[in-house]
Structure formats: C-alpha cells, structure tokens
Amino acid sequence: MLMRILDLSKHAAIRLQQRGIAPLVVDLLLEFGVTEKSGDGTTKHYLDKPARRRLRSYAGQLASLLEAHLDCYAVTGAEGTIVTAAHRTQQIKHWAVSHYTLRERP
C-alpha cells in the first residue's frame, strides 16, 4: 500500500488539524474501511470489525499501535475529495439493514 496524496477540502484540512486526526489514519480509512453511501451524494468511510482484521493482517504489530487512533470516520464527496473527518463517539447505525429485516418478517 502506498500512501496516497489526499485530496482534502479546506474544511477537511482544518477539521483534521483541530481534531488531531493524522492523514495516515484517513488514508487507512480509505484503503481498508467500509463505505456507506449517504443520500446527499457523500460517502462515509469507517473501520468495522472485519476491516480492522484486514488492517491487522496487513500491518501486523503496527496495527496495535494504531488501534487507539482508528475510531474515526471520513466523509468524501462525489468527486472523491475528503469533505470532513471526525472521531466516532457513537456506534454507526445501519438503518437500511434494520429496515430491510423488518420488512422480511411475516
């Protein structure tokens, strides 16, 4: 994996600095993370358990050092520009999955 040059919006660059999120973490979110489309054309990138396992198998012992910094998410625009990033303070809800399950019940 090569570190890509991140295409950050001005807002994202400010937020990364304010929130103490390293560009390396954003790169890992984009490389290994799960993507979830939003209704407004943006995409959220975050690490769920399987994504963290993929990262651990790739990075080995380095992953344990990064673990404390990985509770973040990044939002990209339709063009791939990183719009913002933040720390996850709550579990990400998967509403589409829960609604789909409810419709399947008799």
N, C-alpha and C. Protein backbone atom coordinates (compact mmCIF):
# COMPACT_ATOMS: atom_id res chain seq x y z
N MET A 1 0.85 -1.17 0.00
CA MET A 1 0.00 0.00 0.00
C MET A 1 0.89 1.23 0.00
N LEU A 2 0.66 2.10 -0.93
CA LEU A 2 1.38 3.37 -0.97
C LEU A 2 0.50 4.45 -0.38
N MET A 3 1.13 5.35 0.34
CA MET A 3 0.37 6.47 0.90
C MET A 3 -0.04 7.38 -0.25
N ARG A 4 -1.32 7.55 -0.41
CA ARG A 4 -1.82 8.39 -1.50
C ARG A 4 -1.77 9.86 -1.08
N ILE A 5 -1.75 10.73 -2.04
CA ILE A 5 -1.85 12.15 -1.75
C ILE A 5 -3.33 12.44 -1.57
N LEU A 6 -3.69 12.85 -0.37
CA LEU A 6 -5.10 13.05 -0.05
C LEU A 6 -5.60 14.35 -0.66
N ASP A 7 -6.75 14.26 -1.30
CA ASP A 7 -7.41 15.42 -1.87
C ASP A 7 -8.37 15.97 -0.81
N LEU A 8 -7.88 16.92 -0.02
CA LEU A 8 -8.64 17.47 1.10
C LEU A 8 -9.30 18.79 0.73
N SER A 9 -10.54 18.96 1.15
CA SER A 9 -11.15 20.28 1.05
C SER A 9 -10.52 21.15 2.14
N LYS A 10 -10.69 22.44 2.03
CA LYS A 10 -10.15 23.35 3.04
C LYS A 10 -10.78 23.03 4.40
N HIS A 11 -12.07 22.76 4.40
CA HIS A 11 -12.78 22.41 5.64
C HIS A 11 -12.18 21.15 6.26
N ALA A 12 -11.92 20.13 5.44
CA ALA A 12 -11.36 18.87 5.95
C ALA A 12 -9.97 19.08 6.54
N ALA A 13 -9.15 19.88 5.89
CA ALA A 13 -7.80 20.14 6.40
C ALA A 13 -7.87 20.81 7.78
N ILE A 14 -8.78 21.75 7.92
CA ILE A 14 -8.94 22.44 9.21
C ILE A 14 -9.44 21.46 10.27
N ARG A 15 -10.44 20.65 9.92
CA ARG A 15 -11.01 19.69 10.88
C ARG A 15 -9.99 18.63 11.31
N LEU A 16 -9.19 18.14 10.37
CA LEU A 16 -8.16 17.16 10.73
C LEU A 16 -7.21 17.74 11.76
N GLN A 17 -6.80 18.98 11.53
CA GLN A 17 -5.88 19.62 12.46
C GLN A 17 -6.55 19.87 13.81
N GLN A 18 -7.77 20.39 13.80
CA GLN A 18 -8.48 20.69 15.05
C GLN A 18 -8.75 19.43 15.87
N ARG A 19 -9.06 18.34 15.18
CA ARG A 19 -9.46 17.11 15.87
C ARG A 19 -8.30 16.15 16.10
N GLY A 20 -7.12 16.52 15.66
CA GLY A 20 -5.94 15.69 15.90
C GLY A 20 -5.97 14.36 15.18
N ILE A 21 -6.52 14.35 13.97
CA ILE A 21 -6.58 13.12 13.17
C ILE A 21 -5.47 13.19 12.14
N ALA A 22 -4.59 12.20 12.17
CA ALA A 22 -3.45 12.17 11.26
C ALA A 22 -3.90 11.80 9.84
N PRO A 23 -3.27 12.38 8.82
CA PRO A 23 -3.59 11.99 7.45
C PRO A 23 -3.40 10.49 7.20
N LEU A 24 -2.46 9.86 7.92
CA LEU A 24 -2.27 8.41 7.79
C LEU A 24 -3.55 7.67 8.17
N VAL A 25 -4.23 8.11 9.21
CA VAL A 25 -5.48 7.46 9.64
C VAL A 25 -6.54 7.59 8.55
N VAL A 26 -6.65 8.76 7.94
CA VAL A 26 -7.62 8.95 6.86
C VAL A 26 -7.27 8.04 5.68
N ASP A 27 -5.99 7.93 5.38
CA ASP A 27 -5.56 7.04 4.30
C ASP A 27 -5.94 5.59 4.60
N LEU A 28 -5.78 5.16 5.85
CA LEU A 28 -6.16 3.80 6.24
C LEU A 28 -7.68 3.61 6.15
N LEU A 29 -8.44 4.62 6.51
CA LEU A 29 -9.90 4.54 6.38
C LEU A 29 -10.30 4.34 4.93
N LEU A 30 -9.65 5.07 4.04
CA LEU A 30 -9.99 4.96 2.62
C LEU A 30 -9.53 3.64 2.03
N GLU A 31 -8.40 3.13 2.50
CA GLU A 31 -7.83 1.89 1.95
C GLU A 31 -8.53 0.64 2.48
N PHE A 32 -8.78 0.57 3.78
CA PHE A 32 -9.29 -0.65 4.40
C PHE A 32 -10.74 -0.54 4.87
N GLY A 33 -11.27 0.67 4.95
CA GLY A 33 -12.57 0.88 5.58
C GLY A 33 -13.76 0.47 4.76
N VAL A 34 -14.88 0.42 5.44
CA VAL A 34 -16.18 0.14 4.86
C VAL A 34 -16.73 1.46 4.34
N THR A 35 -17.41 1.41 3.21
CA THR A 35 -18.02 2.63 2.67
C THR A 35 -19.53 2.53 2.81
N GLU A 36 -20.13 3.65 3.13
CA GLU A 36 -21.58 3.72 3.29
C GLU A 36 -22.06 4.98 2.60
N LYS A 37 -22.89 4.83 1.58
CA LYS A 37 -23.39 5.97 0.82
C LYS A 37 -24.42 6.75 1.64
N SER A 38 -24.38 8.05 1.47
CA SER A 38 -25.38 8.92 2.10
C SER A 38 -26.31 9.43 1.02
N GLY A 39 -27.45 9.92 1.41
CA GLY A 39 -28.43 10.39 0.44
C GLY A 39 -28.02 11.65 -0.29
N ASP A 40 -27.07 12.39 0.26
CA ASP A 40 -26.67 13.66 -0.35
C ASP A 40 -25.48 13.52 -1.29
N GLY A 41 -25.12 12.30 -1.68
CA GLY A 41 -24.03 12.08 -2.62
C GLY A 41 -22.67 11.91 -1.97
N THR A 42 -22.60 11.98 -0.66
CA THR A 42 -21.33 11.75 0.03
C THR A 42 -21.23 10.30 0.46
N THR A 43 -20.02 9.90 0.81
CA THR A 43 -19.76 8.54 1.26
C THR A 43 -18.99 8.59 2.57
N LYS A 44 -19.43 7.79 3.54
CA LYS A 44 -18.75 7.72 4.83
C LYS A 44 -17.83 6.50 4.82
N HIS A 45 -16.60 6.68 5.29
CA HIS A 45 -15.61 5.60 5.39
C HIS A 45 -15.27 5.40 6.86
N TYR A 46 -15.35 4.16 7.32
CA TYR A 46 -15.01 3.85 8.71
C TYR A 46 -14.54 2.41 8.78
N LEU A 47 -13.98 2.03 9.92
CA LEU A 47 -13.48 0.68 10.10
C LEU A 47 -14.42 -0.10 11.01
N ASP A 48 -15.03 -1.16 10.47
CA ASP A 48 -15.80 -2.08 11.31
C ASP A 48 -14.87 -3.24 11.70
N LYS A 49 -15.39 -4.25 12.38
CA LYS A 49 -14.53 -5.33 12.86
C LYS A 49 -13.81 -6.07 11.74
N PRO A 50 -14.50 -6.47 10.65
CA PRO A 50 -13.77 -7.14 9.56
C PRO A 50 -12.69 -6.25 8.93
N ALA A 51 -12.97 -4.96 8.82
CA ALA A 51 -11.97 -4.04 8.25
C ALA A 51 -10.76 -3.92 9.17
N ARG A 52 -10.99 -3.90 10.47
CA ARG A 52 -9.87 -3.86 11.42
C ARG A 52 -9.04 -5.13 11.34
N ARG A 53 -9.71 -6.28 11.11
CA ARG A 53 -8.98 -7.54 10.94
C ARG A 53 -8.10 -7.50 9.70
N ARG A 54 -8.65 -6.95 8.59
CA ARG A 54 -7.85 -6.82 7.36
C ARG A 54 -6.64 -5.93 7.61
N LEU A 55 -6.84 -4.85 8.33
CA LEU A 55 -5.73 -3.94 8.65
C LEU A 55 -4.69 -4.64 9.51
N ARG A 56 -5.15 -5.41 10.52
CA ARG A 56 -4.20 -6.14 11.38
C ARG A 56 -3.40 -7.17 10.58
N SER A 57 -4.05 -7.86 9.64
CA SER A 57 -3.31 -8.85 8.86
C SER A 57 -2.30 -8.17 7.93
N TYR A 58 -2.60 -6.95 7.50
CA TYR A 58 -1.67 -6.22 6.64
C TYR A 58 -0.54 -5.59 7.45
N ALA A 59 -0.87 -4.92 8.55
CA ALA A 59 0.11 -4.11 9.28
C ALA A 59 0.80 -4.87 10.40
N GLY A 60 0.29 -6.02 10.79
CA GLY A 60 0.93 -6.80 11.85
C GLY A 60 0.91 -6.07 13.17
N GLN A 61 2.06 -6.05 13.85
CA GLN A 61 2.14 -5.44 15.18
C GLN A 61 1.95 -3.93 15.15
N LEU A 62 2.21 -3.32 14.03
CA LEU A 62 1.99 -1.88 13.90
C LEU A 62 0.51 -1.53 14.11
N ALA A 63 -0.37 -2.44 13.74
CA ALA A 63 -1.81 -2.19 13.88
C ALA A 63 -2.19 -1.97 15.34
N SER A 64 -1.54 -2.67 16.27
CA SER A 64 -1.87 -2.49 17.69
C SER A 64 -1.50 -1.08 18.16
N LEU A 65 -0.47 -0.49 17.58
CA LEU A 65 -0.09 0.88 17.92
C LEU A 65 -1.09 1.90 17.35
N LEU A 66 -1.68 1.54 16.22
CA LEU A 66 -2.63 2.44 15.56
C LEU A 66 -4.04 2.34 16.13
N GLU A 67 -4.33 1.24 16.80
CA GLU A 67 -5.70 0.92 17.23
C GLU A 67 -6.38 2.07 17.98
N ALA A 68 -5.67 2.76 18.82
CA ALA A 68 -6.27 3.85 19.61
C ALA A 68 -6.70 5.03 18.75
N HIS A 69 -6.19 5.12 17.53
CA HIS A 69 -6.46 6.26 16.66
C HIS A 69 -7.48 5.95 15.57
N LEU A 70 -8.02 4.74 15.55
CA LEU A 70 -8.84 4.31 14.43
C LEU A 70 -10.34 4.50 14.62
N ASP A 71 -10.78 5.03 15.75
CA ASP A 71 -12.20 5.28 15.95
C ASP A 71 -12.58 6.62 15.33
N CYS A 72 -12.44 6.68 14.03
CA CYS A 72 -12.72 7.89 13.26
C CYS A 72 -13.54 7.51 12.04
N TYR A 73 -14.05 8.52 11.38
CA TYR A 73 -14.67 8.31 10.08
C TYR A 73 -14.30 9.49 9.20
N ALA A 74 -14.32 9.25 7.90
CA ALA A 74 -14.07 10.31 6.93
C ALA A 74 -15.24 10.34 5.96
N VAL A 75 -15.55 11.53 5.48
CA VAL A 75 -16.64 11.70 4.52
C VAL A 75 -16.03 12.24 3.24
N THR A 76 -16.32 11.56 2.13
CA THR A 76 -15.83 12.01 0.83
C THR A 76 -17.00 12.47 -0.02
N GLY A 77 -16.72 13.45 -0.87
CA GLY A 77 -17.73 13.94 -1.79
C GLY A 77 -17.81 13.07 -3.03
N ALA A 78 -18.70 13.41 -3.93
CA ALA A 78 -18.91 12.63 -5.14
C ALA A 78 -17.65 12.55 -6.00
N GLU A 79 -16.81 13.57 -5.95
CA GLU A 79 -15.59 13.59 -6.77
C GLU A 79 -14.43 12.89 -6.09
N GLY A 80 -14.62 12.41 -4.87
CA GLY A 80 -13.55 11.74 -4.13
C GLY A 80 -12.79 12.65 -3.18
N THR A 81 -13.13 13.93 -3.16
CA THR A 81 -12.49 14.86 -2.24
C THR A 81 -12.95 14.57 -0.82
N ILE A 82 -12.03 14.60 0.12
CA ILE A 82 -12.38 14.40 1.52
C ILE A 82 -13.02 15.68 2.03
N VAL A 83 -14.26 15.57 2.47
CA VAL A 83 -15.04 16.72 2.90
C VAL A 83 -14.80 17.02 4.36
N THR A 84 -14.77 15.98 5.21
CA THR A 84 -14.54 16.16 6.64
C THR A 84 -14.13 14.83 7.25
N ALA A 85 -13.68 14.90 8.48
CA ALA A 85 -13.35 13.70 9.26
C ALA A 85 -13.60 14.02 10.72
N ALA A 86 -13.95 12.99 11.48
CA ALA A 86 -14.26 13.20 12.90
C ALA A 86 -14.03 11.91 13.66
N HIS A 87 -14.00 12.05 14.98
CA HIS A 87 -13.91 10.88 15.86
C HIS A 87 -15.30 10.28 16.01
N ARG A 88 -15.37 8.97 16.03
CA ARG A 88 -16.65 8.30 16.26
C ARG A 88 -16.93 8.31 17.76
N THR A 89 -18.05 8.87 18.15
CA THR A 89 -18.44 8.87 19.56
C THR A 89 -19.58 7.91 19.82
N GLN A 90 -20.24 7.47 18.75
CA GLN A 90 -21.34 6.51 18.87
C GLN A 90 -21.16 5.43 17.82
N GLN A 91 -21.82 4.31 18.04
CA GLN A 91 -21.80 3.24 17.07
C GLN A 91 -22.54 3.70 15.82
N ILE A 92 -22.01 3.37 14.65
CA ILE A 92 -22.66 3.74 13.40
C ILE A 92 -23.85 2.81 13.18
N LYS A 93 -25.01 3.39 12.98
CA LYS A 93 -26.24 2.63 12.78
C LYS A 93 -26.37 2.25 11.31
N HIS A 94 -26.84 1.09 11.07
CA HIS A 94 -27.07 0.61 9.70
C HIS A 94 -28.58 0.52 9.48
N TRP A 95 -29.20 1.67 9.27
CA TRP A 95 -30.66 1.74 9.18
C TRP A 95 -31.19 0.92 8.02
N ALA A 96 -30.54 0.94 6.89
CA ALA A 96 -31.05 0.21 5.73
C ALA A 96 -31.17 -1.28 6.04
N VAL A 97 -30.21 -1.82 6.75
CA VAL A 97 -30.23 -3.24 7.09
C VAL A 97 -31.37 -3.54 8.05
N SER A 98 -31.55 -2.71 9.08
CA SER A 98 -32.61 -2.98 10.05
C SER A 98 -33.99 -2.83 9.43
N HIS A 99 -34.18 -1.85 8.54
CA HIS A 99 -35.48 -1.69 7.88
C HIS A 99 -35.75 -2.86 6.95
N TYR A 100 -34.73 -3.33 6.27
CA TYR A 100 -34.89 -4.46 5.37
C TYR A 100 -35.30 -5.69 6.16
N THR A 101 -34.70 -5.91 7.31
CA THR A 101 -35.03 -7.06 8.14
C THR A 101 -36.47 -6.97 8.63
N LEU A 102 -36.93 -5.79 8.99
CA LEU A 102 -38.30 -5.63 9.47
C LEU A 102 -39.31 -5.97 8.39
N ARG A 103 -39.04 -5.62 7.15
CA ARG A 103 -39.96 -5.90 6.05
C ARG A 103 -40.06 -7.39 5.77
N GLU A 104 -39.00 -8.12 6.05
CA GLU A 104 -38.98 -9.55 5.78
C GLU A 104 -39.80 -10.35 6.77
N ARG A 105 -40.10 -9.78 7.92
CA ARG A 105 -40.84 -10.53 8.93
C ARG A 105 -42.29 -10.71 8.50
N PRO A 106 -42.87 -11.88 8.80
CA PRO A 106 -44.28 -12.13 8.41
C PRO A 106 -45.26 -11.35 9.27
